[in-house]
Amino acid sequence: MEINFDSGLLDFFGSQTRIKIHGRTLQSNGAVNVIKSKVNVNAYAFGIRIKRYNYTVIEKLTLKGVLIFQKFTEKEGSYFTMEYKKQE
């Protein structure tokens, strides 16, 4: 899957972000579903790539398909996580 974003006012200057998601696999342990994938993010200005991010992503979903956790890891091992809480 590939996603392109135009960057609002910066789009006037040719700013764009491209996100490619690939290598997705689904595993289930009976309690949660886990999706593993690779994500490439490329940011462009004036048609020139100015930033590139490559992540290995682990996503956890409930058995009903509700996203509850994401972990984005870069090649050198740095990472960030997002945890989604149920709203009441």
PDB file of N, CA and C in Angstrom:
ATOM      1  N   MET A   1       0.840  -1.148   0.000  1.00  0.00           N
ATOM      2  CA  MET A   1       0.000   0.000   0.000  1.00  0.00           C
ATOM      3  C   MET A   1       0.897   1.226   0.000  1.00  0.00           C
ATOM      4  N   GLU A   2       0.534   2.203  -0.781  1.00  0.00           N
ATOM      5  CA  GLU A   2       1.299   3.446  -0.818  1.00  0.00           C
ATOM      6  C   GLU A   2       0.337   4.610  -0.658  1.00  0.00           C
ATOM      7  N   ILE A   3       0.705   5.586   0.169  1.00  0.00           N
ATOM      8  CA  ILE A   3      -0.133   6.741   0.465  1.00  0.00           C
ATOM      9  C   ILE A   3       0.665   8.002   0.154  1.00  0.00           C
ATOM     10  N   ASN A   4       0.033   8.973  -0.495  1.00  0.00           N
ATOM     11  CA  ASN A   4       0.666  10.265  -0.764  1.00  0.00           C
ATOM     12  C   ASN A   4      -0.129  11.352  -0.072  1.00  0.00           C
ATOM     13  N   PHE A   5       0.581  12.298   0.576  1.00  0.00           N
ATOM     14  CA  PHE A   5      -0.051  13.431   1.234  1.00  0.00           C
ATOM     15  C   PHE A   5       0.485  14.710   0.623  1.00  0.00           C
ATOM     16  N   ASP A   6      -0.430  15.589   0.239  1.00  0.00           N
ATOM     17  CA  ASP A   6      -0.028  16.945  -0.114  1.00  0.00           C
ATOM     18  C   ASP A   6      -0.020  17.727   1.189  1.00  0.00           C
ATOM     19  N   SER A   7       0.862  18.712   1.284  1.00  0.00           N
ATOM     20  CA  SER A   7       1.111  19.353   2.574  1.00  0.00           C
ATOM     21  C   SER A   7       0.500  20.736   2.688  1.00  0.00           C
ATOM     22  N   GLY A   8      -0.763  20.877   2.391  1.00  0.00           N
ATOM     23  CA  GLY A   8      -1.472  22.136   2.601  1.00  0.00           C
ATOM     24  C   GLY A   8      -0.815  23.305   1.909  1.00  0.00           C
ATOM     25  N   LEU A   9      -0.563  24.353   2.662  1.00  0.00           N
ATOM     26  CA  LEU A   9       0.048  25.562   2.121  1.00  0.00           C
ATOM     27  C   LEU A   9       1.414  25.252   1.514  1.00  0.00           C
ATOM     28  N   LEU A  10       2.151  24.318   2.137  1.00  0.00           N
ATOM     29  CA  LEU A  10       3.465  23.973   1.600  1.00  0.00           C
ATOM     30  C   LEU A  10       3.375  23.271   0.254  1.00  0.00           C
ATOM     31  N   ASP A  11       2.184  22.744  -0.080  1.00  0.00           N
ATOM     32  CA  ASP A  11       2.016  22.093  -1.378  1.00  0.00           C
ATOM     33  C   ASP A  11       2.309  23.069  -2.512  1.00  0.00           C
ATOM     34  N   PHE A  12       2.100  24.350  -2.257  1.00  0.00           N
ATOM     35  CA  PHE A  12       2.425  25.383  -3.241  1.00  0.00           C
ATOM     36  C   PHE A  12       3.897  25.295  -3.628  1.00  0.00           C
ATOM     37  N   PHE A  13       4.751  24.884  -2.676  1.00  0.00           N
ATOM     38  CA  PHE A  13       6.180  24.758  -2.919  1.00  0.00           C
ATOM     39  C   PHE A  13       6.581  23.336  -3.316  1.00  0.00           C
ATOM     40  N   GLY A  14       5.597  22.493  -3.593  1.00  0.00           N
ATOM     41  CA  GLY A  14       5.900  21.137  -4.028  1.00  0.00           C
ATOM     42  C   GLY A  14       6.194  20.178  -2.892  1.00  0.00           C
ATOM     43  N   SER A  15       5.733  20.469  -1.683  1.00  0.00           N
ATOM     44  CA  SER A  15       5.963  19.592  -0.547  1.00  0.00           C
ATOM     45  C   SER A  15       4.995  18.416  -0.600  1.00  0.00           C
ATOM     46  N   GLN A  16       5.520  17.226  -0.342  1.00  0.00           N
ATOM     47  CA  GLN A  16       4.700  16.021  -0.408  1.00  0.00           C
ATOM     48  C   GLN A  16       5.324  14.941   0.470  1.00  0.00           C
ATOM     49  N   THR A  17       4.481  14.078   1.033  1.00  0.00           N
ATOM     50  CA  THR A  17       4.945  12.950   1.824  1.00  0.00           C
ATOM     51  C   THR A  17       4.400  11.679   1.219  1.00  0.00           C
ATOM     52  N   ARG A  18       5.259  10.690   1.052  1.00  0.00           N
ATOM     53  CA  ARG A  18       4.853   9.382   0.523  1.00  0.00           C
ATOM     54  C   ARG A  18       5.124   8.321   1.575  1.00  0.00           C
ATOM     55  N   ILE A  19       4.122   7.507   1.840  1.00  0.00           N
ATOM     56  CA  ILE A  19       4.237   6.440   2.825  1.00  0.00           C
ATOM     57  C   ILE A  19       3.959   5.119   2.129  1.00  0.00           C
ATOM     58  N   LYS A  20       4.887   4.183   2.276  1.00  0.00           N
ATOM     59  CA  LYS A  20       4.726   2.855   1.686  1.00  0.00           C
ATOM     60  C   LYS A  20       4.709   1.827   2.819  1.00  0.00           C
ATOM     61  N   ILE A  21       3.644   1.025   2.868  1.00  0.00           N
ATOM     62  CA  ILE A  21       3.499  -0.029   3.867  1.00  0.00           C
ATOM     63  C   ILE A  21       3.569  -1.360   3.132  1.00  0.00           C
ATOM     64  N   HIS A  22       4.487  -2.238   3.577  1.00  0.00           N
ATOM     65  CA  HIS A  22       4.664  -3.504   2.867  1.00  0.00           C
ATOM     66  C   HIS A  22       5.106  -4.610   3.821  1.00  0.00           C
ATOM     67  N   GLY A  23       5.094  -5.841   3.342  1.00  0.00           N
ATOM     68  CA  GLY A  23       5.551  -6.982   4.124  1.00  0.00           C
ATOM     69  C   GLY A  23       4.680  -7.262   5.335  1.00  0.00           C
ATOM     70  N   ARG A  24       3.377  -7.000   5.224  1.00  0.00           N
ATOM     71  CA  ARG A  24       2.476  -7.171   6.373  1.00  0.00           C
ATOM     72  C   ARG A  24       2.166  -8.647   6.615  1.00  0.00           C
ATOM     73  N   THR A  25       2.242  -9.040   7.888  1.00  0.00           N
ATOM     74  CA  THR A  25       1.861 -10.406   8.283  1.00  0.00           C
ATOM     75  C   THR A  25       0.951 -10.304   9.502  1.00  0.00           C
ATOM     76  N   LEU A  26       0.031 -11.240   9.603  1.00  0.00           N
ATOM     77  CA  LEU A  26      -0.917 -11.273  10.709  1.00  0.00           C
ATOM     78  C   LEU A  26      -0.701 -12.531  11.528  1.00  0.00           C
ATOM     79  N   GLN A  27      -0.618 -12.363  12.850  1.00  0.00           N
ATOM     80  CA  GLN A  27      -0.504 -13.487  13.773  1.00  0.00           C
ATOM     81  C   GLN A  27      -1.546 -13.285  14.865  1.00  0.00           C
ATOM     82  N   SER A  28      -2.093 -14.389  15.375  1.00  0.00           N
ATOM     83  CA  SER A  28      -3.059 -14.309  16.454  1.00  0.00           C
ATOM     84  C   SER A  28      -2.679 -15.300  17.536  1.00  0.00           C
ATOM     85  N   ASN A  29      -2.748 -14.840  18.795  1.00  0.00           N
ATOM     86  CA  ASN A  29      -2.450 -15.746  19.897  1.00  0.00           C
ATOM     87  C   ASN A  29      -3.713 -16.086  20.687  1.00  0.00           C
ATOM     88  N   GLY A  30      -4.874 -15.755  20.140  1.00  0.00           N
ATOM     89  CA  GLY A  30      -6.133 -16.025  20.809  1.00  0.00           C
ATOM     90  C   GLY A  30      -6.618 -14.880  21.676  1.00  0.00           C
ATOM     91  N   ALA A  31      -5.705 -14.029  22.159  1.00  0.00           N
ATOM     92  CA  ALA A  31      -6.081 -12.878  22.987  1.00  0.00           C
ATOM     93  C   ALA A  31      -6.037 -11.576  22.186  1.00  0.00           C
ATOM     94  N   VAL A  32      -5.028 -11.440  21.305  1.00  0.00           N
ATOM     95  CA  VAL A  32      -4.891 -10.263  20.445  1.00  0.00           C
ATOM     96  C   VAL A  32      -4.382 -10.701  19.077  1.00  0.00           C
ATOM     97  N   ASN A  33      -4.624  -9.855  18.083  1.00  0.00           N
ATOM     98  CA  ASN A  33      -4.044 -10.033  16.758  1.00  0.00           C
ATOM     99  C   ASN A  33      -2.828  -9.124  16.662  1.00  0.00           C
ATOM    100  N   VAL A  34      -1.750  -9.613  16.057  1.00  0.00           N
ATOM    101  CA  VAL A  34      -0.526  -8.825  15.893  1.00  0.00           C
ATOM    102  C   VAL A  34      -0.217  -8.729  14.405  1.00  0.00           C
ATOM    103  N   ILE A  35      -0.057  -7.498  13.927  1.00  0.00           N
ATOM    104  CA  ILE A  35       0.326  -7.248  12.538  1.00  0.00           C
ATOM    105  C   ILE A  35       1.747  -6.710  12.553  1.00  0.00           C
ATOM    106  N   LYS A  36       2.630  -7.349  11.793  1.00  0.00           N
ATOM    107  CA  LYS A  36       4.005  -6.867  11.631  1.00  0.00           C
ATOM    108  C   LYS A  36       4.156  -6.385  10.200  1.00  0.00           C
ATOM    109  N   SER A  37       4.838  -5.248  10.035  1.00  0.00           N
ATOM    110  CA  SER A  37       5.012  -4.691   8.696  1.00  0.00           C
ATOM    111  C   SER A  37       6.226  -3.780   8.656  1.00  0.00           C
ATOM    112  N   LYS A  38       6.561  -3.356   7.453  1.00  0.00           N
ATOM    113  CA  LYS A  38       7.618  -2.375   7.199  1.00  0.00           C
ATOM    114  C   LYS A  38       6.946  -1.116   6.667  1.00  0.00           C
ATOM    115  N   VAL A  39       7.447   0.044   7.114  1.00  0.00           N
ATOM    116  CA  VAL A  39       6.903   1.326   6.667  1.00  0.00           C
ATOM    117  C   VAL A  39       8.059   2.223   6.236  1.00  0.00           C
ATOM    118  N   ASN A  40       7.931   2.786   5.043  1.00  0.00           N
ATOM    119  CA  ASN A  40       8.900   3.744   4.518  1.00  0.00           C
ATOM    120  C   ASN A  40       8.184   5.078   4.354  1.00  0.00           C
ATOM    121  N   VAL A  41       8.734   6.139   4.958  1.00  0.00           N
ATOM    122  CA  VAL A  41       8.170   7.482   4.857  1.00  0.00           C
ATOM    123  C   VAL A  41       9.206   8.364   4.174  1.00  0.00           C
ATOM    124  N   ASN A  42       8.810   8.998   3.080  1.00  0.00           N
ATOM    125  CA  ASN A  42       9.691   9.905   2.347  1.00  0.00           C
ATOM    126  C   ASN A  42       9.021  11.268   2.242  1.00  0.00           C
ATOM    127  N   ALA A  43       9.730  12.322   2.661  1.00  0.00           N
ATOM    128  CA  ALA A  43       9.222  13.692   2.570  1.00  0.00           C
ATOM    129  C   ALA A  43       9.990  14.418   1.466  1.00  0.00           C
ATOM    130  N   TYR A  44       9.235  15.131   0.614  1.00  0.00           N
ATOM    131  CA  TYR A  44       9.814  15.829  -0.529  1.00  0.00           C
ATOM    132  C   TYR A  44       9.470  17.307  -0.473  1.00  0.00           C
ATOM    133  N   ALA A  45      10.391  18.141  -0.953  1.00  0.00           N
ATOM    134  CA  ALA A  45      10.143  19.565  -1.176  1.00  0.00           C
ATOM    135  C   ALA A  45      10.759  19.915  -2.526  1.00  0.00           C
ATOM    136  N   PHE A  46      10.015  20.591  -3.339  1.00  0.00           N
ATOM    137  CA  PHE A  46      10.452  20.928  -4.697  1.00  0.00           C
ATOM    138  C   PHE A  46      10.861  19.685  -5.478  1.00  0.00           C
ATOM    139  N   GLY A  47      10.232  18.548  -5.178  1.00  0.00           N
ATOM    140  CA  GLY A  47      10.535  17.305  -5.881  1.00  0.00           C
ATOM    141  C   GLY A  47      11.800  16.606  -5.411  1.00  0.00           C
ATOM    142  N   ILE A  48      12.470  17.133  -4.385  1.00  0.00           N
ATOM    143  CA  ILE A  48      13.709  16.547  -3.860  1.00  0.00           C
ATOM    144  C   ILE A  48      13.420  15.924  -2.501  1.00  0.00           C
ATOM    145  N   ARG A  49      13.834  14.668  -2.326  1.00  0.00           N
ATOM    146  CA  ARG A  49      13.609  14.019  -1.039  1.00  0.00           C
ATOM    147  C   ARG A  49      14.475  14.680   0.028  1.00  0.00           C
ATOM    148  N   ILE A  50      13.826  15.150   1.103  1.00  0.00           N
ATOM    149  CA  ILE A  50      14.561  15.834   2.160  1.00  0.00           C
ATOM    150  C   ILE A  50      14.639  14.998   3.444  1.00  0.00           C
ATOM    151  N   LYS A  51      13.739  14.059   3.616  1.00  0.00           N
ATOM    152  CA  LYS A  51      13.751  13.190   4.797  1.00  0.00           C
ATOM    153  C   LYS A  51      13.294  11.801   4.396  1.00  0.00           C
ATOM    154  N   ARG A  52      13.872  10.791   5.073  1.00  0.00           N
ATOM    155  CA  ARG A  52      13.460   9.411   4.867  1.00  0.00           C
ATOM    156  C   ARG A  52      13.462   8.711   6.222  1.00  0.00           C
ATOM    157  N   TYR A  53      12.375   8.022   6.508  1.00  0.00           N
ATOM    158  CA  TYR A  53      12.270   7.219   7.713  1.00  0.00           C
ATOM    159  C   TYR A  53      11.873   5.806   7.312  1.00  0.00           C
ATOM    160  N   ASN A  54      12.531   4.816   7.891  1.00  0.00           N
ATOM    161  CA  ASN A  54      12.198   3.419   7.653  1.00  0.00           C
ATOM    162  C   ASN A  54      11.943   2.757   8.996  1.00  0.00           C
ATOM    163  N   TYR A  55      10.781   2.184   9.144  1.00  0.00           N
ATOM    164  CA  TYR A  55      10.390   1.569  10.400  1.00  0.00           C
ATOM    165  C   TYR A  55       9.983   0.117  10.203  1.00  0.00           C
ATOM    166  N   THR A  56      10.220  -0.682  11.233  1.00  0.00           N
ATOM    167  CA  THR A  56       9.565  -1.969  11.392  1.00  0.00           C
ATOM    168  C   THR A  56       8.451  -1.705  12.389  1.00  0.00           C
ATOM    169  N   VAL A  57       7.229  -2.114  12.061  1.00  0.00           N
ATOM    170  CA  VAL A  57       6.078  -1.760  12.886  1.00  0.00           C
ATOM    171  C   VAL A  57       5.405  -3.018  13.422  1.00  0.00           C
ATOM    172  N   ILE A  58       5.079  -2.969  14.706  1.00  0.00           N
ATOM    173  CA  ILE A  58       4.268  -4.006  15.340  1.00  0.00           C
ATOM    174  C   ILE A  58       2.993  -3.328  15.813  1.00  0.00           C
ATOM    175  N   GLU A  59       1.848  -3.867  15.397  1.00  0.00           N
ATOM    176  CA  GLU A  59       0.560  -3.327  15.810  1.00  0.00           C
ATOM    177  C   GLU A  59      -0.230  -4.425  16.504  1.00  0.00           C
ATOM    178  N   LYS A  60      -0.872  -4.073  17.600  1.00  0.00           N
ATOM    179  CA  LYS A  60      -1.724  -5.031  18.311  1.00  0.00           C
ATOM    180  C   LYS A  60      -3.166  -4.557  18.219  1.00  0.00           C
ATOM    181  N   LEU A  61      -4.044  -5.509  17.896  1.00  0.00           N
ATOM    182  CA  LEU A  61      -5.467  -5.220  17.765  1.00  0.00           C
ATOM    183  C   LEU A  61      -6.253  -6.219  18.598  1.00  0.00           C
ATOM    184  N   THR A  62      -7.408  -5.772  19.089  1.00  0.00           N
ATOM    185  CA  THR A  62      -8.287  -6.702  19.774  1.00  0.00           C
ATOM    186  C   THR A  62      -8.810  -7.703  18.749  1.00  0.00           C
ATOM    187  N   LEU A  63      -9.424  -8.756  19.215  1.00  0.00           N
ATOM    188  CA  LEU A  63      -9.989  -9.745  18.298  1.00  0.00           C
ATOM    189  C   LEU A  63     -11.119  -9.147  17.464  1.00  0.00           C
ATOM    190  N   LYS A  64     -11.671  -8.012  17.905  1.00  0.00           N
ATOM    191  CA  LYS A  64     -12.710  -7.306  17.141  1.00  0.00           C
ATOM    192  C   LYS A  64     -12.100  -6.324  16.142  1.00  0.00           C
ATOM    193  N   GLY A  65     -10.773  -6.212  16.114  1.00  0.00           N
ATOM    194  CA  GLY A  65     -10.106  -5.358  15.140  1.00  0.00           C
ATOM    195  C   GLY A  65      -9.830  -3.942  15.595  1.00  0.00           C
ATOM    196  N   VAL A  66      -9.942  -3.661  16.891  1.00  0.00           N
ATOM    197  CA  VAL A  66      -9.683  -2.314  17.415  1.00  0.00           C
ATOM    198  C   VAL A  66      -8.189  -2.175  17.718  1.00  0.00           C
ATOM    199  N   LEU A  67      -7.557  -1.160  17.158  1.00  0.00           N
ATOM    200  CA  LEU A  67      -6.131  -0.905  17.365  1.00  0.00           C
ATOM    201  C   LEU A  67      -5.881  -0.472  18.802  1.00  0.00           C
ATOM    202  N   ILE A  68      -4.941  -1.166  19.498  1.00  0.00           N
ATOM    203  CA  ILE A  68      -4.657  -0.823  20.894  1.00  0.00           C
ATOM    204  C   ILE A  68      -3.199  -0.453  21.135  1.00  0.00           C
ATOM    205  N   PHE A  69      -2.290  -0.800  20.209  1.00  0.00           N
ATOM    206  CA  PHE A  69      -0.867  -0.554  20.447  1.00  0.00           C
ATOM    207  C   PHE A  69      -0.111  -0.539  19.130  1.00  0.00           C
ATOM    208  N   GLN A  70       0.906   0.354  19.035  1.00  0.00           N
ATOM    209  CA  GLN A  70       1.816   0.381  17.890  1.00  0.00           C
ATOM    210  C   GLN A  70       3.230   0.647  18.389  1.00  0.00           C
ATOM    211  N   LYS A  71       4.193  -0.026  17.781  1.00  0.00           N
ATOM    212  CA  LYS A  71       5.608   0.218  18.068  1.00  0.00           C
ATOM    213  C   LYS A  71       6.332   0.385  16.733  1.00  0.00           C
ATOM    214  N   PHE A  72       6.998   1.534  16.571  1.00  0.00           N
ATOM    215  CA  PHE A  72       7.750   1.866  15.367  1.00  0.00           C
ATOM    216  C   PHE A  72       9.231   1.814  15.724  1.00  0.00           C
ATOM    217  N   THR A  73       9.988   0.924  15.080  1.00  0.00           N
ATOM    218  CA  THR A  73      11.403   0.742  15.390  1.00  0.00           C
ATOM    219  C   THR A  73      12.241   1.069  14.166  1.00  0.00           C
ATOM    220  N   GLU A  74      13.292   1.882  14.366  1.00  0.00           N
ATOM    221  CA  GLU A  74      14.224   2.188  13.290  1.00  0.00           C
ATOM    222  C   GLU A  74      15.347   1.154  13.276  1.00  0.00           C
ATOM    223  N   LYS A  75      16.100   1.125  12.182  1.00  0.00           N
ATOM    224  CA  LYS A  75      17.148   0.124  11.985  1.00  0.00           C
ATOM    225  C   LYS A  75      18.165   0.073  13.118  1.00  0.00           C
ATOM    226  N   GLU A  76      18.548   1.241  13.648  1.00  0.00           N
ATOM    227  CA  GLU A  76      19.571   1.278  14.701  1.00  0.00           C
ATOM    228  C   GLU A  76      19.007   0.941  16.076  1.00  0.00           C
ATOM    229  N   GLY A  77      17.699   0.676  16.164  1.00  0.00           N
ATOM    230  CA  GLY A  77      17.110   0.226  17.419  1.00  0.00           C
ATOM    231  C   GLY A  77      16.279   1.258  18.155  1.00  0.00           C
ATOM    232  N   SER A  78      16.351   2.524  17.761  1.00  0.00           N
ATOM    233  CA  SER A  78      15.510   3.514  18.425  1.00  0.00           C
ATOM    234  C   SER A  78      14.050   3.278  18.030  1.00  0.00           C
ATOM    235  N   TYR A  79      13.142   3.607  18.935  1.00  0.00           N
ATOM    236  CA  TYR A  79      11.737   3.332  18.667  1.00  0.00           C
ATOM    237  C   TYR A  79      10.842   4.307  19.430  1.00  0.00           C
ATOM    238  N   PHE A  80       9.588   4.334  19.014  1.00  0.00           N
ATOM    239  CA  PHE A  80       8.557   5.017  19.781  1.00  0.00           C
ATOM    240  C   PHE A  80       7.311   4.154  19.745  1.00  0.00           C
ATOM    241  N   THR A  81       6.496   4.296  20.777  1.00  0.00           N
ATOM    242  CA  THR A  81       5.275   3.503  20.877  1.00  0.00           C
ATOM    243  C   THR A  81       4.066   4.418  21.033  1.00  0.00           C
ATOM    244  N   MET A  82       2.919   3.880  20.675  1.00  0.00           N
ATOM    245  CA  MET A  82       1.644   4.551  20.903  1.00  0.00           C
ATOM    246  C   MET A  82       0.693   3.512  21.477  1.00  0.00           C
ATOM    247  N   GLU A  83       0.020   3.886  22.549  1.00  0.00           N
ATOM    248  CA  GLU A  83      -0.952   3.006  23.168  1.00  0.00           C
ATOM    249  C   GLU A  83      -2.295   3.721  23.152  1.00  0.00           C
ATOM    250  N   TYR A  84      -3.337   3.030  22.735  1.00  0.00           N
ATOM    251  CA  TYR A  84      -4.653   3.619  22.591  1.00  0.00           C
ATOM    252  C   TYR A  84      -5.558   3.115  23.707  1.00  0.00           C
ATOM    253  N   LYS A  85      -6.110   4.035  24.431  1.00  0.00           N
ATOM    254  CA  LYS A  85      -6.980   3.705  25.569  1.00  0.00           C
ATOM    255  C   LYS A  85      -8.444   3.774  25.136  1.00  0.00           C
ATOM    256  N   LYS A  86      -9.220   2.943  25.745  1.00  0.00           N
ATOM    257  CA  LYS A  86     -10.651   2.948  25.484  1.00  0.00           C
ATOM    258  C   LYS A  86     -11.260   4.224  26.052  1.00  0.00           C
ATOM    259  N   GLN A  87     -12.050   4.933  25.237  1.00  0.00           N
ATOM    260  CA  GLN A  87     -12.721   6.132  25.719  1.00  0.00           C
ATOM    261  C   GLN A  87     -14.066   5.727  26.309  1.00  0.00           C
ATOM    262  N   GLU A  88     -14.391   6.341  27.418  1.00  0.00           N
ATOM    263  CA  GLU A  88     -15.666   6.016  28.072  1.00  0.00           C
ATOM    264  C   GLU A  88     -16.614   7.166  28.039  1.00  0.00           C
TER     265      GLU A  88
END
